[in-house]
Protein backbone atom coordinates (compact mmCIF):
# COMPACT_ATOMS: atom_id res chain seq x y z
CA UNK A 1 14.33 4.05 86.36
CA UNK A 2 14.97 4.00 90.15
CA UNK A 3 16.46 0.70 89.73
CA UNK A 4 19.06 1.75 87.02
CA UNK A 5 19.84 4.78 89.57
CA UNK A 6 20.60 2.79 92.37
CA UNK A 7 22.81 0.46 90.22
CA UNK A 8 24.66 3.35 88.92
CA UNK A 9 25.43 4.84 92.54
CA UNK A 10 26.33 1.35 93.59
CA UNK A 11 28.91 0.90 90.57
CA UNK A 12 30.13 4.43 91.24
CA UNK A 13 30.84 3.51 95.08
CA UNK A 14 32.48 0.28 93.97
CA UNK A 15 34.93 2.13 91.63
CA UNK A 16 35.78 4.83 94.21
CA UNK A 17 36.37 2.40 96.71
CA UNK A 18 38.74 0.50 94.58
CA UNK A 19 40.68 3.56 93.90
CA UNK A 20 40.75 4.34 97.62
CA UNK A 21 42.22 0.78 98.37
CA UNK A 22 44.99 1.20 95.93
CA UNK A 23 45.60 4.64 97.47
CA UNK A 24 45.92 2.94 100.89
CA UNK A 25 48.19 0.46 99.29
CA UNK A 26 50.64 3.05 97.87
CA UNK A 27 50.40 4.91 101.15
CA UNK A 28 51.44 1.76 103.09
CA UNK A 29 54.52 1.23 100.66
CA UNK A 30 55.62 4.87 101.30
CA UNK A 31 54.55 6.12 97.79
CA UNK A 32 52.87 9.15 99.13
CA UNK A 33 52.66 11.07 95.74
CA UNK A 34 51.25 8.12 94.27
CA UNK A 35 48.67 7.75 96.93
CA UNK A 36 47.59 11.43 96.95
CA UNK A 37 47.11 10.99 93.01
CA UNK A 38 44.87 8.02 93.67
CA UNK A 39 42.95 9.79 96.24
CA UNK A 40 42.51 12.79 94.29
CA UNK A 41 41.00 11.03 91.53
CA UNK A 42 38.44 9.81 93.75
CA UNK A 43 37.46 13.40 94.55
CA UNK A 44 37.57 14.48 90.80
CA UNK A 45 35.93 11.53 89.02
CA UNK A 46 33.57 10.05 92.03
CA UNK A 47 32.79 13.28 94.16
CA UNK A 48 29.11 11.86 95.10
CA UNK A 49 30.71 8.51 96.38
CA UNK A 50 31.01 7.32 99.94
CA UNK A 51 34.99 7.05 99.47
CA UNK A 52 35.55 10.70 99.32
CA UNK A 53 36.03 11.00 103.09
CA UNK A 54 38.59 7.80 102.87
CA UNK A 55 40.27 9.84 100.25
CA UNK A 56 40.58 12.86 102.17
CA UNK A 57 41.97 11.14 105.22
CA UNK A 58 44.55 9.47 102.91
CA UNK A 59 45.66 12.93 101.40
CA UNK A 60 45.80 14.29 104.66
CA UNK A 61 48.11 11.54 106.12
CA UNK A 62 50.46 11.58 102.93
CA UNK A 63 50.41 15.47 102.80
CA UNK A 64 51.58 15.36 106.42
CA UNK A 65 54.27 12.93 105.76
CA UNK A 66 55.66 14.57 102.77
CA UNK A 67 55.66 17.82 105.04
CA UNK A 68 53.44 19.72 102.70
CA UNK A 69 51.86 21.75 105.22
CA UNK A 70 49.60 23.66 103.07
CA UNK A 71 48.27 21.05 101.19
CA UNK A 72 47.74 19.08 104.31
CA UNK A 73 45.73 22.01 105.90
CA UNK A 74 43.80 22.43 102.50
CA UNK A 75 42.70 18.94 103.01
CA UNK A 76 42.05 18.91 106.41
CA UNK A 77 39.87 21.99 106.19
CA UNK A 78 37.74 20.05 103.14
CA UNK A 79 37.43 17.10 105.70
CA UNK A 80 36.21 19.15 108.81
CA UNK A 81 33.79 21.04 106.58
CA UNK A 82 32.15 17.91 105.16
CA UNK A 83 32.73 15.36 107.60
CA UNK A 84 33.00 16.78 111.06
CA UNK A 85 32.54 13.58 112.93
CA UNK A 86 35.28 11.56 110.90
CA UNK A 87 37.74 9.34 112.14
CA UNK A 88 40.39 10.89 110.36
CA UNK A 89 40.06 13.95 112.45
CA UNK A 90 41.14 12.20 115.73
């Protein structure tokens, strides 16, 4: 059972990381809404994964670029609360 649990955690992290990479691509292409949607899917579907910090970082940058200050501040607050040492806070 412990091995199965480790495997499941690994698979969840791989799937979440893939979603973050797609979100990064969309952000790089200027498709901010698509980037936010992909990043949000990580928060909703893979909330225990190691990719959540990166998903929040993408959301913060995309919301800022779209001028959505309230959503930007909400995502920033969540990042600060859960990842106080995040590189996205610099």
